[in-house]
């Protein structure tokens, strides 16, 4: 099992400081919500971890520095779901999901080995996309595209999964199913980090919440601690309504302050 380490990570776009000395450790079997206001640095942090932007500091996967891994080695170990869920290919959904196996050597989605086929089928089932797996990817709704994009990442079966707003554009049922799917992946040994603006989903499904503000980590801990009323007031400028349901302390942003 592979953990993820981020040590003193900083990122600038020109003169603007986007990430300011960010450090964290994410362990196997841990699902972490990354929350914060717009512009806090959440997406930039994920992009820096997977190597899409160049940042100072050290990122490790287990005992190996990401900077010393080849692009293919990195792609095998880091599953990344960006925002947007863009699909540009008029090919069947099943083939789109099979492309998630590309770092593992799959070049023709129409000719899969038994293990590759099993991984694709599991990803389709986990995201409730098996029902339209033969449909063209260009004929999907926004929510369907989002689930297919997640299935493509899940098919990789990477030990670390970074998902940037995976429930955006989904209806309530599929939001719940996606979060339950990600929580199950974490329980089975992966590191899962989810960027979300939904504080209820973060508190319900995540073991830990990291709150970012102005490129820094403002709070990091169990949901009831990291999403305490004082933190939400400081970071989001909202006063929450707090309640407990099924043993979980939940915060509902109630009014601006």
C-alpha atoms as a PDB file:
ATOM      1  CA  UNK A   1       0.000   0.000   0.000  1.00  0.00           C
ATOM      2  CA  UNK A   2       1.224   3.464  -0.933  1.00  0.00           C
ATOM      3  CA  UNK A   3       0.874   6.676   1.029  1.00  0.00           C
ATOM      4  CA  UNK A   4       1.128  10.202  -0.350  1.00  0.00           C
ATOM      5  CA  UNK A   5       3.381  12.855   1.135  1.00  0.00           C
ATOM      6  CA  UNK A   6       3.483  16.569   0.327  1.00  0.00           C
ATOM      7  CA  UNK A   7       6.319  18.495   1.945  1.00  0.00           C
ATOM      8  CA  UNK A   8       6.634  22.297   1.840  1.00  0.00           C
ATOM      9  CA  UNK A   9       4.912  22.671  -1.537  1.00  0.00           C
ATOM     10  CA  UNK A  10       4.701  26.164  -3.001  1.00  0.00           C
ATOM     11  CA  UNK A  11       3.431  27.316  -6.380  1.00  0.00           C
ATOM     12  CA  UNK A  12       3.439  30.675  -8.137  1.00  0.00           C
ATOM     13  CA  UNK A  13       1.698  31.864 -11.278  1.00  0.00           C
ATOM     14  CA  UNK A  14       3.807  34.874 -12.160  1.00  0.00           C
ATOM     15  CA  UNK A  15       3.922  37.072  -9.062  1.00  0.00           C
ATOM     16  CA  UNK A  16       0.844  35.445  -7.524  1.00  0.00           C
ATOM     17  CA  UNK A  17       1.424  32.888  -4.767  1.00  0.00           C
ATOM     18  CA  UNK A  18      -1.088  30.047  -5.285  1.00  0.00           C
ATOM     19  CA  UNK A  19       0.215  27.456  -2.804  1.00  0.00           C
ATOM     20  CA  UNK A  20       2.137  28.631   0.230  1.00  0.00           C
ATOM     21  CA  UNK A  21       4.264  26.007   1.992  1.00  0.00           C
ATOM     22  CA  UNK A  22       1.659  23.224   1.972  1.00  0.00           C
ATOM     23  CA  UNK A  23       2.519  19.978   3.775  1.00  0.00           C
ATOM     24  CA  UNK A  24       0.340  16.919   4.348  1.00  0.00           C
ATOM     25  CA  UNK A  25       0.488  13.152   4.683  1.00  0.00           C
ATOM     26  CA  UNK A  26      -2.293  10.953   3.286  1.00  0.00           C
ATOM     27  CA  UNK A  27      -2.367   7.321   4.327  1.00  0.00           C
ATOM     28  CA  UNK A  28      -3.779   4.180   2.713  1.00  0.00           C
ATOM     29  CA  UNK A  29      -7.431   3.482   3.602  1.00  0.00           C
ATOM     30  CA  UNK A  30      -7.995   7.207   4.167  1.00  0.00           C
ATOM     31  CA  UNK A  31     -10.577   9.321   2.351  1.00  0.00           C
ATOM     32  CA  UNK A  32      -9.851  13.019   2.635  1.00  0.00           C
ATOM     33  CA  UNK A  33     -12.035  15.947   1.615  1.00  0.00           C
ATOM     34  CA  UNK A  34     -10.220  19.039   0.396  1.00  0.00           C
ATOM     35  CA  UNK A  35     -12.485  22.051   0.901  1.00  0.00           C
ATOM     36  CA  UNK A  36     -12.141  25.809   0.818  1.00  0.00           C
ATOM     37  CA  UNK A  37     -13.502  28.902  -0.924  1.00  0.00           C
ATOM     38  CA  UNK A  38     -12.965  29.558  -4.610  1.00  0.00           C
ATOM     39  CA  UNK A  39      -9.328  30.360  -5.306  1.00  0.00           C
ATOM     40  CA  UNK A  40      -8.044  28.667  -2.141  1.00  0.00           C
ATOM     41  CA  UNK A  41      -5.618  26.457  -4.112  1.00  0.00           C
ATOM     42  CA  UNK A  42      -7.446  23.120  -4.018  1.00  0.00           C
ATOM     43  CA  UNK A  43      -7.302  22.334  -7.735  1.00  0.00           C
ATOM     44  CA  UNK A  44      -3.771  23.684  -8.001  1.00  0.00           C
ATOM     45  CA  UNK A  45      -2.679  21.339  -5.225  1.00  0.00           C
ATOM     46  CA  UNK A  46      -4.032  18.300  -7.085  1.00  0.00           C
ATOM     47  CA  UNK A  47      -2.463  19.471 -10.339  1.00  0.00           C
ATOM     48  CA  UNK A  48       0.883  19.939  -8.609  1.00  0.00           C
ATOM     49  CA  UNK A  49       0.720  16.449  -7.085  1.00  0.00           C
ATOM     50  CA  UNK A  50       0.173  14.783 -10.468  1.00  0.00           C
ATOM     51  CA  UNK A  51       2.837  16.936 -12.128  1.00  0.00           C
ATOM     52  CA  UNK A  52       0.667  19.106 -14.375  1.00  0.00           C
ATOM     53  CA  UNK A  53       2.179  22.269 -12.908  1.00  0.00           C
ATOM     54  CA  UNK A  54       5.701  22.753 -11.611  1.00  0.00           C
ATOM     55  CA  UNK A  55       5.936  23.589  -7.916  1.00  0.00           C
ATOM     56  CA  UNK A  56       8.729  23.749  -5.372  1.00  0.00           C
ATOM     57  CA  UNK A  57       8.819  21.218  -2.549  1.00  0.00           C
ATOM     58  CA  UNK A  58       8.789  17.430  -2.405  1.00  0.00           C
ATOM     59  CA  UNK A  59       5.984  15.000  -3.264  1.00  0.00           C
ATOM     60  CA  UNK A  60       6.405  11.340  -2.388  1.00  0.00           C
ATOM     61  CA  UNK A  61       4.514   8.159  -3.203  1.00  0.00           C
ATOM     62  CA  UNK A  62       5.539   5.720  -0.515  1.00  0.00           C
ATOM     63  CA  UNK A  63       9.300   6.163  -0.293  1.00  0.00           C
ATOM     64  CA  UNK A  64       9.755   7.471  -3.844  1.00  0.00           C
ATOM     65  CA  UNK A  65       9.846  11.078  -4.957  1.00  0.00           C
ATOM     66  CA  UNK A  66       7.370  11.809  -7.739  1.00  0.00           C
ATOM     67  CA  UNK A  67       9.947  13.952  -9.527  1.00  0.00           C
ATOM     68  CA  UNK A  68      12.133  10.866 -10.012  1.00  0.00           C
ATOM     69  CA  UNK A  69       9.363   8.777 -11.567  1.00  0.00           C
ATOM     70  CA  UNK A  70       8.775   8.540 -15.307  1.00  0.00           C
ATOM     71  CA  UNK A  71       5.495   9.849 -16.676  1.00  0.00           C
ATOM     72  CA  UNK A  72       4.241   6.281 -17.093  1.00  0.00           C
ATOM     73  CA  UNK A  73       5.205   5.285 -13.545  1.00  0.00           C
ATOM     74  CA  UNK A  74       3.394   8.340 -12.245  1.00  0.00           C
ATOM     75  CA  UNK A  75       0.314   7.608 -14.369  1.00  0.00           C
ATOM     76  CA  UNK A  76       0.117   4.047 -13.032  1.00  0.00           C
ATOM     77  CA  UNK A  77       0.110   5.177  -9.419  1.00  0.00           C
ATOM     78  CA  UNK A  78      -1.920   8.381  -9.522  1.00  0.00           C
ATOM     79  CA  UNK A  79      -5.498   8.291 -10.726  1.00  0.00           C
ATOM     80  CA  UNK A  80      -6.620  11.866 -11.443  1.00  0.00           C
ATOM     81  CA  UNK A  81     -10.110  13.121 -12.247  1.00  0.00           C
ATOM     82  CA  UNK A  82      -9.963  16.798 -13.276  1.00  0.00           C
ATOM     83  CA  UNK A  83     -12.857  19.221 -13.309  1.00  0.00           C
ATOM     84  CA  UNK A  84     -14.973  19.498 -16.409  1.00  0.00           C
ATOM     85  CA  UNK A  85     -15.401  15.840 -17.425  1.00  0.00           C
ATOM     86  CA  UNK A  86     -14.775  16.664 -21.087  1.00  0.00           C
ATOM     87  CA  UNK A  87     -15.220  13.754 -23.503  1.00  0.00           C
ATOM     88  CA  UNK A  88     -14.145  14.360 -27.090  1.00  0.00           C
ATOM     89  CA  UNK A  89     -14.413  10.951 -28.721  1.00  0.00           C
ATOM     90  CA  UNK A  90     -17.515   9.600 -30.566  1.00  0.00           C
ATOM     91  CA  UNK A  91     -16.805   6.083 -29.307  1.00  0.00           C
ATOM     92  CA  UNK A  92     -18.774   3.788 -27.007  1.00  0.00           C
ATOM     93  CA  UNK A  93     -18.727   4.515 -23.295  1.00  0.00           C
ATOM     94  CA  UNK A  94     -17.135   1.124 -22.624  1.00  0.00           C
ATOM     95  CA  UNK A  95     -14.161   2.060 -24.821  1.00  0.00           C
ATOM     96  CA  UNK A  96     -13.795   5.431 -23.065  1.00  0.00           C
ATOM     97  CA  UNK A  97     -13.583   3.654 -19.715  1.00  0.00           C
ATOM     98  CA  UNK A  98     -11.119   1.114 -21.130  1.00  0.00           C
ATOM     99  CA  UNK A  99      -8.777   3.988 -21.984  1.00  0.00           C
ATOM    100  CA  UNK A 100      -8.222   4.299 -18.241  1.00  0.00           C
ATOM    101  CA  UNK A 101      -6.052   1.169 -18.607  1.00  0.00           C
ATOM    102  CA  UNK A 102      -3.718   2.912 -21.065  1.00  0.00           C
ATOM    103  CA  UNK A 103      -0.873   3.392 -18.540  1.00  0.00           C
ATOM    104  CA  UNK A 104      -1.000  -0.366 -17.919  1.00  0.00           C
ATOM    105  CA  UNK A 105      -0.383  -1.191 -21.566  1.00  0.00           C
ATOM    106  CA  UNK A 106      -3.852  -1.231 -23.146  1.00  0.00           C
ATOM    107  CA  UNK A 107      -3.663   0.243 -26.642  1.00  0.00           C
ATOM    108  CA  UNK A 108      -6.846  -1.125 -28.220  1.00  0.00           C
ATOM    109  CA  UNK A 109      -9.952  -0.826 -26.004  1.00  0.00           C
ATOM    110  CA  UNK A 110     -11.653  -3.377 -28.220  1.00  0.00           C
ATOM    111  CA  UNK A 111      -9.103  -6.072 -27.355  1.00  0.00           C
ATOM    112  CA  UNK A 112      -8.799  -6.394 -23.577  1.00  0.00           C
ATOM    113  CA  UNK A 113      -7.217  -9.118 -21.504  1.00  0.00           C
ATOM    114  CA  UNK A 114      -9.372 -10.796 -18.862  1.00  0.00           C
ATOM    115  CA  UNK A 115      -7.930  -8.632 -16.012  1.00  0.00           C
ATOM    116  CA  UNK A 116      -8.392  -5.463 -18.061  1.00  0.00           C
ATOM    117  CA  UNK A 117     -11.978  -6.414 -18.913  1.00  0.00           C
ATOM    118  CA  UNK A 118     -12.714  -7.176 -15.263  1.00  0.00           C
ATOM    119  CA  UNK A 119     -11.365  -3.762 -14.200  1.00  0.00           C
ATOM    120  CA  UNK A 120     -13.464  -1.971 -16.829  1.00  0.00           C
ATOM    121  CA  UNK A 121     -16.616  -3.862 -15.862  1.00  0.00           C
ATOM    122  CA  UNK A 122     -16.044  -3.123 -12.167  1.00  0.00           C
ATOM    123  CA  UNK A 123     -15.635   0.595 -12.920  1.00  0.00           C
ATOM    124  CA  UNK A 124     -18.822   0.635 -15.008  1.00  0.00           C
ATOM    125  CA  UNK A 125     -20.777  -1.065 -12.235  1.00  0.00           C
ATOM    126  CA  UNK A 126     -19.345   1.179  -9.517  1.00  0.00           C
ATOM    127  CA  UNK A 127     -20.446   4.328 -11.362  1.00  0.00           C
ATOM    128  CA  UNK A 128     -23.823   2.991 -12.567  1.00  0.00           C
ATOM    129  CA  UNK A 129     -22.775   3.414 -16.206  1.00  0.00           C
ATOM    130  CA  UNK A 130     -23.045  -0.204 -17.350  1.00  0.00           C
ATOM    131  CA  UNK A 131     -26.620   0.490 -18.476  1.00  0.00           C
ATOM    132  CA  UNK A 132     -25.440   2.764 -21.302  1.00  0.00           C
ATOM    133  CA  UNK A 133     -21.935   1.369 -21.889  1.00  0.00           C
ATOM    134  CA  UNK A 134     -22.613   0.791 -25.615  1.00  0.00           C
ATOM    135  CA  UNK A 135     -23.921   4.315 -26.191  1.00  0.00           C
ATOM    136  CA  UNK A 136     -21.710   6.922 -27.858  1.00  0.00           C
ATOM    137  CA  UNK A 137     -19.925   9.116 -25.333  1.00  0.00           C
ATOM    138  CA  UNK A 138     -21.060  12.161 -27.317  1.00  0.00           C
ATOM    139  CA  UNK A 139     -24.738  11.359 -26.629  1.00  0.00           C
ATOM    140  CA  UNK A 140     -24.517  11.621 -22.833  1.00  0.00           C
ATOM    141  CA  UNK A 141     -25.957  14.184 -20.453  1.00  0.00           C
ATOM    142  CA  UNK A 142     -23.638  16.230 -18.259  1.00  0.00           C
ATOM    143  CA  UNK A 143     -24.195  13.991 -15.249  1.00  0.00           C
ATOM    144  CA  UNK A 144     -23.666  10.846 -17.318  1.00  0.00           C
ATOM    145  CA  UNK A 145     -20.397  12.255 -18.686  1.00  0.00           C
ATOM    146  CA  UNK A 146     -19.226  12.959 -15.151  1.00  0.00           C
ATOM    147  CA  UNK A 147     -19.832   9.351 -14.120  1.00  0.00           C
ATOM    148  CA  UNK A 148     -18.087   8.001 -17.222  1.00  0.00           C
ATOM    149  CA  UNK A 149     -15.080  10.213 -16.562  1.00  0.00           C
ATOM    150  CA  UNK A 150     -14.890   8.835 -13.022  1.00  0.00           C
ATOM    151  CA  UNK A 151     -15.246   5.273 -14.316  1.00  0.00           C
ATOM    152  CA  UNK A 152     -12.273   5.830 -16.622  1.00  0.00           C
ATOM    153  CA  UNK A 153     -10.145   6.816 -13.625  1.00  0.00           C
ATOM    154  CA  UNK A 154     -11.429   3.934 -11.497  1.00  0.00           C
ATOM    155  CA  UNK A 155     -10.518   1.435 -14.232  1.00  0.00           C
ATOM    156  CA  UNK A 156      -6.844   2.213 -13.635  1.00  0.00           C
ATOM    157  CA  UNK A 157      -7.078   0.782 -10.097  1.00  0.00           C
ATOM    158  CA  UNK A 158      -4.363   3.172  -8.927  1.00  0.00           C
ATOM    159  CA  UNK A 159      -3.313   3.163  -5.257  1.00  0.00           C
ATOM    160  CA  UNK A 160      -3.899   6.931  -5.059  1.00  0.00           C
ATOM    161  CA  UNK A 161      -7.011   8.606  -6.439  1.00  0.00           C
ATOM    162  CA  UNK A 162      -7.394  12.380  -6.692  1.00  0.00           C
ATOM    163  CA  UNK A 163     -10.869  13.553  -7.696  1.00  0.00           C
ATOM    164  CA  UNK A 164     -11.640  17.216  -8.352  1.00  0.00           C
ATOM    165  CA  UNK A 165     -15.347  17.828  -7.666  1.00  0.00           C
ATOM    166  CA  UNK A 166     -16.507  14.334  -8.720  1.00  0.00           C
ATOM    167  CA  UNK A 167     -20.111  15.014  -7.623  1.00  0.00           C
ATOM    168  CA  UNK A 168     -20.542  18.311  -9.471  1.00  0.00           C
ATOM    169  CA  UNK A 169     -23.496  18.130 -11.899  1.00  0.00           C
ATOM    170  CA  UNK A 170     -24.787  14.876 -10.367  1.00  0.00           C
ATOM    171  CA  UNK A 171     -28.289  14.369  -8.985  1.00  0.00           C
ATOM    172  CA  UNK A 172     -28.568  13.555  -5.238  1.00  0.00           C
ATOM    173  CA  UNK A 173     -28.752   9.788  -5.691  1.00  0.00           C
ATOM    174  CA  UNK A 174     -25.626   9.656  -7.850  1.00  0.00           C
ATOM    175  CA  UNK A 175     -23.777  12.049  -5.534  1.00  0.00           C
ATOM    176  CA  UNK A 176     -24.354   9.546  -2.737  1.00  0.00           C
ATOM    177  CA  UNK A 177     -23.404   6.568  -4.894  1.00  0.00           C
ATOM    178  CA  UNK A 178     -20.184   8.211  -6.104  1.00  0.00           C
ATOM    179  CA  UNK A 179     -19.119   9.135  -2.574  1.00  0.00           C
ATOM    180  CA  UNK A 180     -19.933   5.634  -1.338  1.00  0.00           C
ATOM    181  CA  UNK A 181     -17.898   4.215  -4.215  1.00  0.00           C
ATOM    182  CA  UNK A 182     -14.899   6.394  -3.354  1.00  0.00           C
ATOM    183  CA  UNK A 183     -15.197   5.549   0.345  1.00  0.00           C
ATOM    184  CA  UNK A 184     -15.199   1.852  -0.542  1.00  0.00           C
ATOM    185  CA  UNK A 185     -12.054   2.283  -2.650  1.00  0.00           C
ATOM    186  CA  UNK A 186     -10.369   3.903   0.343  1.00  0.00           C
ATOM    187  CA  UNK A 187     -11.503   1.098   2.663  1.00  0.00           C
ATOM    188  CA  UNK A 188      -9.900  -1.368   0.259  1.00  0.00           C
ATOM    189  CA  UNK A 189      -6.496   0.245   0.704  1.00  0.00           C
ATOM    190  CA  UNK A 190      -6.254   3.309  -1.547  1.00  0.00           C
ATOM    191  CA  UNK A 191      -5.601   6.932  -0.696  1.00  0.00           C
ATOM    192  CA  UNK A 192      -8.571   9.010  -1.878  1.00  0.00           C
ATOM    193  CA  UNK A 193      -8.577  12.820  -1.911  1.00  0.00           C
ATOM    194  CA  UNK A 194     -11.761  14.563  -3.040  1.00  0.00           C
ATOM    195  CA  UNK A 195     -12.145  18.259  -3.747  1.00  0.00           C
ATOM    196  CA  UNK A 196     -15.691  19.294  -2.943  1.00  0.00           C
ATOM    197  CA  UNK A 197     -17.804  22.317  -2.054  1.00  0.00           C
ATOM    198  CA  UNK A 198     -20.436  20.099  -0.429  1.00  0.00           C
ATOM    199  CA  UNK A 199     -19.656  20.201   3.285  1.00  0.00           C
ATOM    200  CA  UNK A 200     -22.385  17.686   4.107  1.00  0.00           C
ATOM    201  CA  UNK A 201     -20.928  15.064   1.776  1.00  0.00           C
ATOM    202  CA  UNK A 202     -17.460  15.793   3.134  1.00  0.00           C
ATOM    203  CA  UNK A 203     -18.587  15.325   6.732  1.00  0.00           C
ATOM    204  CA  UNK A 204     -20.632  12.221   6.008  1.00  0.00           C
ATOM    205  CA  UNK A 205     -18.167  10.221   3.923  1.00  0.00           C
ATOM    206  CA  UNK A 206     -14.649  11.418   4.661  1.00  0.00           C
ATOM    207  CA  UNK A 207     -12.360  10.304   7.457  1.00  0.00           C
ATOM    208  CA  UNK A 208     -10.591  13.641   7.422  1.00  0.00           C
ATOM    209  CA  UNK A 209     -11.160  17.141   6.096  1.00  0.00           C
ATOM    210  CA  UNK A 210      -8.450  19.579   5.014  1.00  0.00           C
ATOM    211  CA  UNK A 211      -9.637  23.182   4.827  1.00  0.00           C
ATOM    212  CA  UNK A 212      -7.623  25.486   2.572  1.00  0.00           C
ATOM    213  CA  UNK A 213      -7.638  29.273   2.446  1.00  0.00           C
ATOM    214  CA  UNK A 214      -5.355  31.595   0.476  1.00  0.00           C
ATOM    215  CA  UNK A 215      -3.050  28.784  -0.573  1.00  0.00           C
ATOM    216  CA  UNK A 216      -2.458  27.431   2.926  1.00  0.00           C
ATOM    217  CA  UNK A 217      -3.926  24.697   5.100  1.00  0.00           C
ATOM    218  CA  UNK A 218      -6.183  26.398   7.629  1.00  0.00           C
ATOM    219  CA  UNK A 219      -7.521  23.264   9.359  1.00  0.00           C
ATOM    220  CA  UNK A 220      -6.839  19.534   9.105  1.00  0.00           C
ATOM    221  CA  UNK A 221      -8.616  16.884  11.133  1.00  0.00           C
ATOM    222  CA  UNK A 222     -11.754  14.861  11.682  1.00  0.00           C
ATOM    223  CA  UNK A 223     -14.832  16.444  10.028  1.00  0.00           C
ATOM    224  CA  UNK A 224     -16.357  17.613  13.321  1.00  0.00           C
ATOM    225  CA  UNK A 225     -13.113  19.457  14.115  1.00  0.00           C
ATOM    226  CA  UNK A 226     -12.110  20.804  10.710  1.00  0.00           C
ATOM    227  CA  UNK A 227     -15.674  21.937   9.931  1.00  0.00           C
ATOM    228  CA  UNK A 228     -16.352  23.514  13.305  1.00  0.00           C
ATOM    229  CA  UNK A 229     -18.421  26.694  13.349  1.00  0.00           C
ATOM    230  CA  UNK A 230     -15.391  28.895  14.062  1.00  0.00           C
ATOM    231  CA  UNK A 231     -13.506  27.476  11.067  1.00  0.00           C
ATOM    232  CA  UNK A 232     -16.447  27.993   8.721  1.00  0.00           C
ATOM    233  CA  UNK A 233     -16.819  31.555   9.935  1.00  0.00           C
ATOM    234  CA  UNK A 234     -13.116  32.322   9.469  1.00  0.00           C
ATOM    235  CA  UNK A 235     -12.671  30.637   6.087  1.00  0.00           C
ATOM    236  CA  UNK A 236     -16.051  30.819   4.349  1.00  0.00           C
ATOM    237  CA  UNK A 237     -17.597  33.797   6.191  1.00  0.00           C
ATOM    238  CA  UNK A 238     -20.722  31.780   6.930  1.00  0.00           C
ATOM    239  CA  UNK A 239     -22.554  30.899  10.127  1.00  0.00           C
ATOM    240  CA  UNK A 240     -23.587  27.212  10.042  1.00  0.00           C
ATOM    241  CA  UNK A 241     -26.466  25.302  11.536  1.00  0.00           C
ATOM    242  CA  UNK A 242     -24.966  22.291  13.341  1.00  0.00           C
ATOM    243  CA  UNK A 243     -26.733  19.004  13.957  1.00  0.00           C
ATOM    244  CA  UNK A 244     -25.935  15.357  14.614  1.00  0.00           C
ATOM    245  CA  UNK A 245     -27.385  12.573  12.470  1.00  0.00           C
ATOM    246  CA  UNK A 246     -26.475   8.883  12.704  1.00  0.00           C
ATOM    247  CA  UNK A 247     -23.464   9.769  14.806  1.00  0.00           C
ATOM    248  CA  UNK A 248     -22.071  12.363  12.399  1.00  0.00           C
ATOM    249  CA  UNK A 249     -21.794  16.053  13.253  1.00  0.00           C
ATOM    250  CA  UNK A 250     -22.920  17.978  10.183  1.00  0.00           C
ATOM    251  CA  UNK A 251     -22.668  21.647   9.316  1.00  0.00           C
ATOM    252  CA  UNK A 252     -25.142  23.374   7.008  1.00  0.00           C
ATOM    253  CA  UNK A 253     -24.057  26.866   5.887  1.00  0.00           C
ATOM    254  CA  UNK A 254     -26.969  28.973   7.074  1.00  0.00           C
ATOM    255  CA  UNK A 255     -26.190  32.648   6.684  1.00  0.00           C
ATOM    256  CA  UNK A 256     -23.393  34.926   5.543  1.00  0.00           C
ATOM    257  CA  UNK A 257     -21.421  36.788   8.203  1.00  0.00           C
END
